[in-house]
N, C-alpha and C. Protein backbone atom coordinates (compact mmCIF):
# COMPACT_ATOMS: atom_id res chain seq x y z
N MET A 1 117.13 31.08 -70.44
CA MET A 1 116.38 30.16 -71.27
C MET A 1 115.87 29.05 -70.37
N TYR A 2 114.68 28.58 -70.63
CA TYR A 2 114.08 27.53 -69.82
C TYR A 2 113.67 26.39 -70.71
N SER A 3 113.84 25.18 -70.21
CA SER A 3 113.31 24.02 -70.92
C SER A 3 112.68 23.10 -69.90
N LEU A 4 111.75 22.32 -70.36
CA LEU A 4 111.05 21.40 -69.48
C LEU A 4 111.55 20.00 -69.76
N SER A 5 111.98 19.30 -68.74
CA SER A 5 112.55 17.98 -68.93
C SER A 5 112.40 17.16 -67.66
N ASP A 6 111.82 15.98 -67.78
CA ASP A 6 111.73 15.04 -66.66
C ASP A 6 111.15 15.66 -65.40
N GLY A 7 110.13 16.50 -65.53
CA GLY A 7 109.49 17.07 -64.36
C GLY A 7 110.27 18.21 -63.72
N CYS A 8 111.28 18.73 -64.41
CA CYS A 8 112.08 19.83 -63.87
C CYS A 8 112.05 21.00 -64.83
N ILE A 9 112.21 22.16 -64.30
CA ILE A 9 112.46 23.33 -65.12
C ILE A 9 113.96 23.55 -65.06
N LEU A 10 114.60 23.59 -66.20
CA LEU A 10 116.03 23.83 -66.25
C LEU A 10 116.26 25.27 -66.65
N SER A 11 117.04 25.96 -65.89
CA SER A 11 117.31 27.37 -66.15
C SER A 11 118.75 27.52 -66.57
N ARG A 12 118.96 28.12 -67.74
CA ARG A 12 120.32 28.42 -68.18
C ARG A 12 120.39 29.91 -68.43
N VAL A 13 121.23 30.58 -67.69
CA VAL A 13 121.34 32.02 -67.79
C VAL A 13 122.61 32.35 -68.56
N ARG A 14 122.47 33.11 -69.62
CA ARG A 14 123.62 33.48 -70.44
C ARG A 14 124.66 34.18 -69.57
N GLY A 15 125.88 33.71 -69.66
CA GLY A 15 126.97 34.30 -68.91
C GLY A 15 127.14 33.72 -67.52
N ALA A 16 126.20 32.91 -67.07
CA ALA A 16 126.32 32.31 -65.74
C ALA A 16 127.18 31.06 -65.84
N HIS A 17 127.82 30.73 -64.76
CA HIS A 17 128.69 29.55 -64.74
C HIS A 17 127.97 28.31 -64.26
N SER A 18 126.72 28.47 -63.90
CA SER A 18 125.97 27.31 -63.43
C SER A 18 124.55 27.35 -63.94
N ALA A 19 123.93 26.20 -63.95
CA ALA A 19 122.52 26.10 -64.33
C ALA A 19 121.76 25.57 -63.12
N GLY A 20 120.52 25.96 -62.99
CA GLY A 20 119.71 25.49 -61.88
C GLY A 20 118.62 24.59 -62.39
N ALA A 21 118.28 23.58 -61.62
CA ALA A 21 117.16 22.70 -61.96
C ALA A 21 116.19 22.73 -60.80
N ILE A 22 114.93 22.86 -61.12
CA ILE A 22 113.89 22.95 -60.10
C ILE A 22 112.88 21.86 -60.37
N ASN A 23 112.64 21.02 -59.41
CA ASN A 23 111.59 20.02 -59.54
C ASN A 23 110.30 20.67 -59.07
N ALA A 24 109.56 21.20 -60.01
CA ALA A 24 108.38 22.00 -59.66
C ALA A 24 107.19 21.63 -60.54
N PRO A 25 106.54 20.49 -60.26
CA PRO A 25 105.38 20.11 -61.08
C PRO A 25 104.31 21.19 -61.13
N SER A 26 104.08 21.90 -60.05
CA SER A 26 103.06 22.95 -60.07
C SER A 26 103.45 24.08 -61.00
N ALA A 27 104.74 24.25 -61.24
CA ALA A 27 105.19 25.29 -62.17
C ALA A 27 104.71 24.98 -63.58
N PHE A 28 104.64 23.70 -63.93
CA PHE A 28 104.14 23.34 -65.24
C PHE A 28 102.70 23.79 -65.41
N GLU A 29 101.90 23.64 -64.37
CA GLU A 29 100.50 24.05 -64.42
C GLU A 29 100.39 25.57 -64.56
N GLN A 30 101.32 26.28 -63.97
CA GLN A 30 101.26 27.74 -63.98
C GLN A 30 102.00 28.35 -65.17
N TYR A 31 102.81 27.56 -65.87
CA TYR A 31 103.64 28.09 -66.95
C TYR A 31 102.79 28.80 -68.01
N ASP A 32 101.74 28.15 -68.48
CA ASP A 32 100.90 28.76 -69.51
C ASP A 32 100.24 30.04 -69.02
N THR A 33 99.85 30.06 -67.75
CA THR A 33 99.23 31.26 -67.18
C THR A 33 100.23 32.40 -67.17
N ILE A 34 101.45 32.13 -66.74
CA ILE A 34 102.49 33.16 -66.70
C ILE A 34 102.80 33.65 -68.10
N ARG A 35 102.94 32.74 -69.05
CA ARG A 35 103.35 33.10 -70.41
C ARG A 35 102.22 33.73 -71.25
N LYS A 36 100.99 33.80 -70.69
CA LYS A 36 99.94 34.55 -71.38
C LYS A 36 100.33 36.02 -71.48
N PHE A 37 101.20 36.44 -70.61
CA PHE A 37 101.75 37.79 -70.63
C PHE A 37 103.13 37.69 -71.26
N PRO A 38 103.30 38.15 -72.50
CA PRO A 38 104.54 37.94 -73.25
C PRO A 38 105.81 38.46 -72.57
N ARG A 39 105.66 39.38 -71.65
CA ARG A 39 106.84 39.95 -70.98
C ARG A 39 107.18 39.23 -69.68
N ARG A 40 106.42 38.20 -69.31
CA ARG A 40 106.64 37.51 -68.02
C ARG A 40 107.31 36.17 -68.22
N PHE A 41 108.24 35.87 -67.29
CA PHE A 41 109.05 34.66 -67.35
C PHE A 41 109.32 34.14 -65.95
N PHE A 42 109.63 32.82 -65.87
CA PHE A 42 110.14 32.23 -64.63
C PHE A 42 111.64 32.46 -64.56
N ASN A 43 112.14 32.69 -63.38
CA ASN A 43 113.58 32.71 -63.09
C ASN A 43 113.82 31.82 -61.89
N VAL A 44 115.01 31.29 -61.79
CA VAL A 44 115.43 30.69 -60.53
C VAL A 44 115.69 31.88 -59.61
N THR A 45 115.11 31.86 -58.42
CA THR A 45 115.23 32.98 -57.50
C THR A 45 116.70 33.36 -57.32
N GLY A 46 116.97 34.63 -57.47
CA GLY A 46 118.32 35.16 -57.36
C GLY A 46 118.90 35.53 -58.72
N HIS A 47 118.47 34.85 -59.78
CA HIS A 47 118.99 35.13 -61.11
C HIS A 47 118.46 36.45 -61.66
N GLU A 48 117.43 36.99 -61.05
CA GLU A 48 116.84 38.24 -61.53
C GLU A 48 117.49 39.47 -60.94
N ARG A 49 118.34 39.29 -59.98
CA ARG A 49 118.87 40.41 -59.19
C ARG A 49 119.47 41.53 -60.06
N GLN A 50 120.38 41.19 -60.96
CA GLN A 50 121.03 42.23 -61.78
C GLN A 50 120.04 42.94 -62.69
N ALA A 51 119.13 42.18 -63.29
CA ALA A 51 118.15 42.80 -64.20
C ALA A 51 117.20 43.72 -63.45
N VAL A 52 116.83 43.35 -62.23
CA VAL A 52 115.96 44.20 -61.41
C VAL A 52 116.71 45.48 -61.03
N GLU A 53 117.98 45.33 -60.62
CA GLU A 53 118.77 46.51 -60.26
C GLU A 53 118.95 47.44 -61.46
N ALA A 54 119.04 46.87 -62.66
CA ALA A 54 119.19 47.67 -63.88
C ALA A 54 117.84 48.19 -64.40
N ARG A 55 116.78 47.85 -63.69
CA ARG A 55 115.41 48.24 -64.06
C ARG A 55 114.95 47.65 -65.39
N ALA A 56 115.53 46.51 -65.77
CA ALA A 56 115.12 45.80 -66.99
C ALA A 56 114.02 44.79 -66.68
N GLU A 57 113.87 44.44 -65.41
CA GLU A 57 112.82 43.51 -64.98
C GLU A 57 112.23 44.02 -63.67
N ARG A 58 110.99 43.58 -63.43
CA ARG A 58 110.40 43.79 -62.11
C ARG A 58 109.86 42.46 -61.62
N ILE A 59 109.92 42.26 -60.34
CA ILE A 59 109.46 41.01 -59.74
C ILE A 59 107.94 41.06 -59.60
N ILE A 60 107.29 40.01 -60.10
CA ILE A 60 105.84 39.89 -60.00
C ILE A 60 105.46 39.00 -58.82
N LEU A 61 106.18 37.89 -58.66
CA LEU A 61 105.81 36.90 -57.65
C LEU A 61 107.03 36.05 -57.32
N VAL A 62 107.21 35.72 -56.05
CA VAL A 62 108.26 34.79 -55.62
C VAL A 62 107.58 33.64 -54.90
N VAL A 63 107.84 32.42 -55.38
CA VAL A 63 107.30 31.22 -54.75
C VAL A 63 108.45 30.24 -54.59
N GLY A 64 108.94 30.13 -53.37
CA GLY A 64 110.05 29.21 -53.11
C GLY A 64 111.26 29.57 -53.95
N SER A 65 111.69 28.63 -54.77
CA SER A 65 112.89 28.85 -55.58
C SER A 65 112.59 29.40 -56.97
N LEU A 66 111.34 29.79 -57.19
CA LEU A 66 110.96 30.40 -58.48
C LEU A 66 110.55 31.85 -58.29
N THR A 67 110.95 32.68 -59.22
CA THR A 67 110.54 34.08 -59.25
C THR A 67 109.95 34.36 -60.61
N VAL A 68 108.79 34.99 -60.63
CA VAL A 68 108.18 35.42 -61.88
C VAL A 68 108.55 36.88 -62.06
N VAL A 69 109.15 37.19 -63.22
CA VAL A 69 109.55 38.55 -63.52
C VAL A 69 108.85 39.04 -64.77
N GLU A 70 108.78 40.35 -64.88
CA GLU A 70 108.24 40.97 -66.08
C GLU A 70 109.33 41.85 -66.67
N LYS A 71 109.64 41.62 -67.94
CA LYS A 71 110.64 42.41 -68.65
C LYS A 71 110.11 43.82 -68.85
N ARG A 72 110.99 44.81 -68.72
CA ARG A 72 110.61 46.21 -68.86
C ARG A 72 111.44 46.88 -69.95
N GLY A 73 110.99 48.02 -70.41
CA GLY A 73 111.76 48.81 -71.36
C GLY A 73 112.05 48.04 -72.64
N VAL A 74 113.26 48.20 -73.15
CA VAL A 74 113.65 47.55 -74.39
C VAL A 74 113.55 46.03 -74.26
N ALA A 75 113.96 45.48 -73.12
CA ALA A 75 113.87 44.03 -72.92
C ALA A 75 112.43 43.55 -73.03
N GLY A 76 111.50 44.32 -72.49
CA GLY A 76 110.08 43.99 -72.58
C GLY A 76 109.56 44.06 -74.00
N GLU A 77 110.00 45.08 -74.72
CA GLU A 77 109.59 45.22 -76.11
C GLU A 77 110.09 44.05 -76.95
N ILE A 78 111.34 43.65 -76.74
CA ILE A 78 111.91 42.52 -77.48
C ILE A 78 111.14 41.24 -77.15
N ALA A 79 110.84 41.02 -75.87
CA ALA A 79 110.09 39.82 -75.46
C ALA A 79 108.70 39.81 -76.10
N ALA A 80 108.03 40.95 -76.12
CA ALA A 80 106.69 41.03 -76.71
C ALA A 80 106.74 40.79 -78.22
N GLU A 81 107.73 41.38 -78.90
CA GLU A 81 107.87 41.18 -80.33
C GLU A 81 108.19 39.73 -80.66
N ALA A 82 109.06 39.11 -79.88
CA ALA A 82 109.41 37.70 -80.11
C ALA A 82 108.19 36.80 -79.92
N HIS A 83 107.36 37.15 -78.93
CA HIS A 83 106.15 36.38 -78.67
C HIS A 83 105.20 36.48 -79.86
N GLU A 84 105.03 37.68 -80.39
CA GLU A 84 104.15 37.87 -81.55
C GLU A 84 104.63 37.07 -82.74
N LEU A 85 105.94 37.03 -82.97
CA LEU A 85 106.49 36.29 -84.10
C LEU A 85 106.33 34.79 -83.94
N SER A 86 106.29 34.33 -82.69
CA SER A 86 106.21 32.87 -82.45
C SER A 86 104.77 32.35 -82.45
N THR A 87 103.79 33.26 -82.44
CA THR A 87 102.39 32.79 -82.42
C THR A 87 101.74 32.91 -83.76
């Protein structure tokens, strides 16, 4: 889950013991562009590793401490459906 606060992107990963904060003003500018694709999300680099290994995500772009991933399979379908319901 991501939230925007005080110029940072806060990343909270379910089941993780830590949260990451990234001071990335340019990420705010790119957030809407990334989210135009309902299956794409920002991750703190490294947090995508298990999902990529399980083939539930694929890496689209890595920029410093941010990774853009695209949900695949059932995870992608759920993300797309959730996006449709929220718009």
